[in-house]
Amino acid sequence: MAKAKELKVRVENRPGILGEVASALGEKKVNLRGAHAWAEGSQGFIRLVADKPAAARKILAARGLAAEERDVLEVVLPDRPGALGAAAAKLGRAGVNVEYMYVGTAKGARKVSVFFGVPDVAAAQKAAR
């Protein structure tokens, strides 16, 4: 169980904005390890975990996007049925409330990283061991 830096940015809800943000990061060789995006009315939100969080924050700032930074719990799981359920249940039994999570995997992947937004990352790290 590791701690990862997550950046959350508020953007205009319009076609192309996600591509612009992701492309700006990619042009500077910042790789996204995890991402979640959604829209509420005229605003969009992007949560991302980058391999170089400080560089990502700087790139976003140069585009006029203020990034909120938060620690999240990263759990690497085998890519098989039930793995997420077991990890989430373990956190629940320890009294850790999961506020949100996101995950992604490519076909044929053997492991996935799951990013959990939790109130106390240190406590969650202990619980997830």
Protein backbone atom coordinates (compact mmCIF):
# COMPACT_ATOMS: atom_id res chain seq x y z
CA MET A 1 0.00 0.00 0.00
CA ALA A 2 1.45 3.26 -1.07
CA LYS A 3 0.53 6.88 -0.88
CA ALA A 4 0.16 8.76 -4.15
CA LYS A 5 -0.36 12.44 -4.95
CA GLU A 6 -3.62 13.21 -6.67
CA LEU A 7 -4.32 16.49 -8.41
CA LYS A 8 -7.87 17.73 -8.88
CA VAL A 9 -8.54 20.52 -11.35
CA ARG A 10 -11.71 22.39 -12.16
CA VAL A 11 -12.18 23.05 -15.86
CA GLU A 12 -14.82 24.43 -18.19
CA ASN A 13 -17.30 21.75 -19.27
CA ARG A 14 -16.81 21.82 -23.04
CA PRO A 15 -15.76 19.48 -25.83
CA GLY A 16 -12.01 18.98 -26.06
CA ILE A 17 -10.96 20.15 -22.60
CA LEU A 18 -9.91 16.69 -21.38
CA GLY A 19 -7.82 16.21 -24.52
CA GLU A 20 -6.20 19.61 -24.06
CA VAL A 21 -5.22 18.91 -20.46
CA ALA A 22 -3.98 15.37 -21.14
CA SER A 23 -2.08 16.49 -24.25
CA ALA A 24 -0.40 19.37 -22.39
CA LEU A 25 0.86 16.91 -19.79
CA GLY A 26 1.93 14.39 -22.42
CA GLU A 27 3.86 16.99 -24.41
CA LYS A 28 6.01 17.58 -21.31
CA LYS A 29 6.49 13.82 -20.79
CA VAL A 30 4.20 13.60 -17.75
CA ASN A 31 2.48 10.22 -17.73
CA LEU A 32 -0.96 9.75 -16.21
CA ARG A 33 -1.09 6.68 -14.00
CA GLY A 34 -4.73 7.17 -13.15
CA ALA A 35 -7.46 9.62 -14.07
CA HIS A 36 -11.12 10.29 -13.44
CA ALA A 37 -13.14 13.07 -15.06
CA TRP A 38 -16.74 14.17 -14.75
CA ALA A 39 -18.95 17.18 -15.35
CA GLU A 40 -21.50 18.98 -13.21
CA GLY A 41 -23.37 21.67 -15.10
CA SER A 42 -20.99 24.11 -16.75
CA GLN A 43 -17.96 22.84 -14.83
CA GLY A 44 -15.82 19.80 -15.32
CA PHE A 45 -13.47 18.15 -12.87
CA ILE A 46 -10.40 16.03 -13.48
CA ARG A 47 -8.69 13.96 -10.80
CA LEU A 48 -5.35 12.57 -11.87
CA VAL A 49 -2.36 10.73 -10.53
CA ALA A 50 0.75 11.58 -12.55
CA ASP A 51 4.20 10.05 -12.47
CA LYS A 52 5.60 13.57 -11.89
CA PRO A 53 3.04 15.43 -9.73
CA ALA A 54 5.11 18.61 -9.26
CA ALA A 55 5.65 18.93 -13.01
CA ALA A 56 1.97 18.25 -13.65
CA ARG A 57 0.94 20.96 -11.19
CA LYS A 58 3.29 23.42 -12.90
CA ILE A 59 1.96 22.57 -16.37
CA LEU A 60 -1.62 22.97 -15.19
CA ALA A 61 -0.81 26.30 -13.54
CA ALA A 62 0.73 27.56 -16.79
CA ARG A 63 -2.67 26.91 -18.41
CA GLY A 64 -4.43 28.86 -15.66
CA LEU A 65 -5.68 25.75 -13.87
CA ALA A 66 -5.27 25.64 -10.11
CA ALA A 67 -4.76 22.09 -8.89
CA GLU A 68 -5.88 20.92 -5.47
CA GLU A 69 -3.42 18.35 -4.16
CA ARG A 70 -4.43 15.41 -2.02
CA ASP A 71 -2.83 12.21 -0.82
CA VAL A 72 -4.66 9.07 -1.91
CA LEU A 73 -4.14 5.44 -1.09
CA GLU A 74 -2.72 3.36 -3.94
CA VAL A 75 -3.32 -0.36 -3.76
CA VAL A 76 -1.91 -2.66 -6.43
CA LEU A 77 -4.22 -5.61 -7.03
CA PRO A 78 -4.11 -8.65 -9.26
CA ASP A 79 -6.37 -8.23 -12.28
CA ARG A 80 -8.89 -10.91 -11.39
CA PRO A 81 -12.52 -11.09 -10.28
CA GLY A 82 -13.06 -10.28 -6.60
CA ALA A 83 -9.77 -8.48 -6.00
CA LEU A 84 -11.35 -5.03 -5.70
CA GLY A 85 -14.11 -6.38 -3.48
CA ALA A 86 -11.60 -7.95 -1.10
CA ALA A 87 -9.51 -4.77 -0.85
CA ALA A 88 -12.54 -2.51 -0.31
CA ALA A 89 -14.02 -4.90 2.26
CA LYS A 90 -10.72 -4.92 4.16
CA LEU A 91 -10.76 -1.12 4.36
CA GLY A 92 -14.41 -1.19 5.46
CA ARG A 93 -13.74 -3.71 8.24
CA ALA A 94 -11.01 -1.37 9.50
CA GLY A 95 -13.49 1.50 9.61
CA VAL A 96 -11.99 3.34 6.62
CA ASN A 97 -14.63 5.16 4.57
CA VAL A 98 -13.90 5.22 0.83
CA GLU A 99 -15.11 8.54 -0.55
CA TYR A 100 -14.34 7.62 -4.18
CA MET A 101 -12.09 5.37 -6.22
CA TYR A 102 -10.96 4.85 -9.78
CA VAL A 103 -9.11 2.12 -11.58
CA GLY A 104 -8.07 1.22 -15.06
CA THR A 105 -6.54 -1.76 -16.76
CA ALA A 106 -5.54 -2.82 -20.22
CA LYS A 107 -6.63 -6.14 -21.66
CA GLY A 108 -4.12 -8.76 -20.61
CA ALA A 109 -2.82 -6.76 -17.66
CA ARG A 110 -1.78 -8.81 -14.68
CA LYS A 111 -2.04 -6.06 -12.06
CA VAL A 112 -3.93 -2.82 -11.64
CA SER A 113 -3.51 0.20 -9.38
CA VAL A 114 -6.58 1.37 -7.53
CA PHE A 115 -6.64 4.88 -6.11
CA PHE A 116 -8.89 5.35 -3.06
CA GLY A 117 -9.82 8.80 -1.77
CA VAL A 118 -10.02 8.29 1.99
CA PRO A 119 -10.07 10.74 4.91
CA ASP A 120 -6.89 9.36 6.54
CA VAL A 121 -4.37 7.84 4.13
CA ALA A 122 -1.96 6.72 6.88
CA ALA A 123 -4.72 4.80 8.69
CA ALA A 124 -5.86 3.30 5.39
CA GLN A 125 -2.30 2.20 4.58
CA LYS A 126 -2.13 0.32 7.88
CA ALA A 127 -5.57 -1.22 7.31
CA ALA A 128 -4.82 -2.36 3.78
CA ARG A 129 -1.66 -4.29 4.68
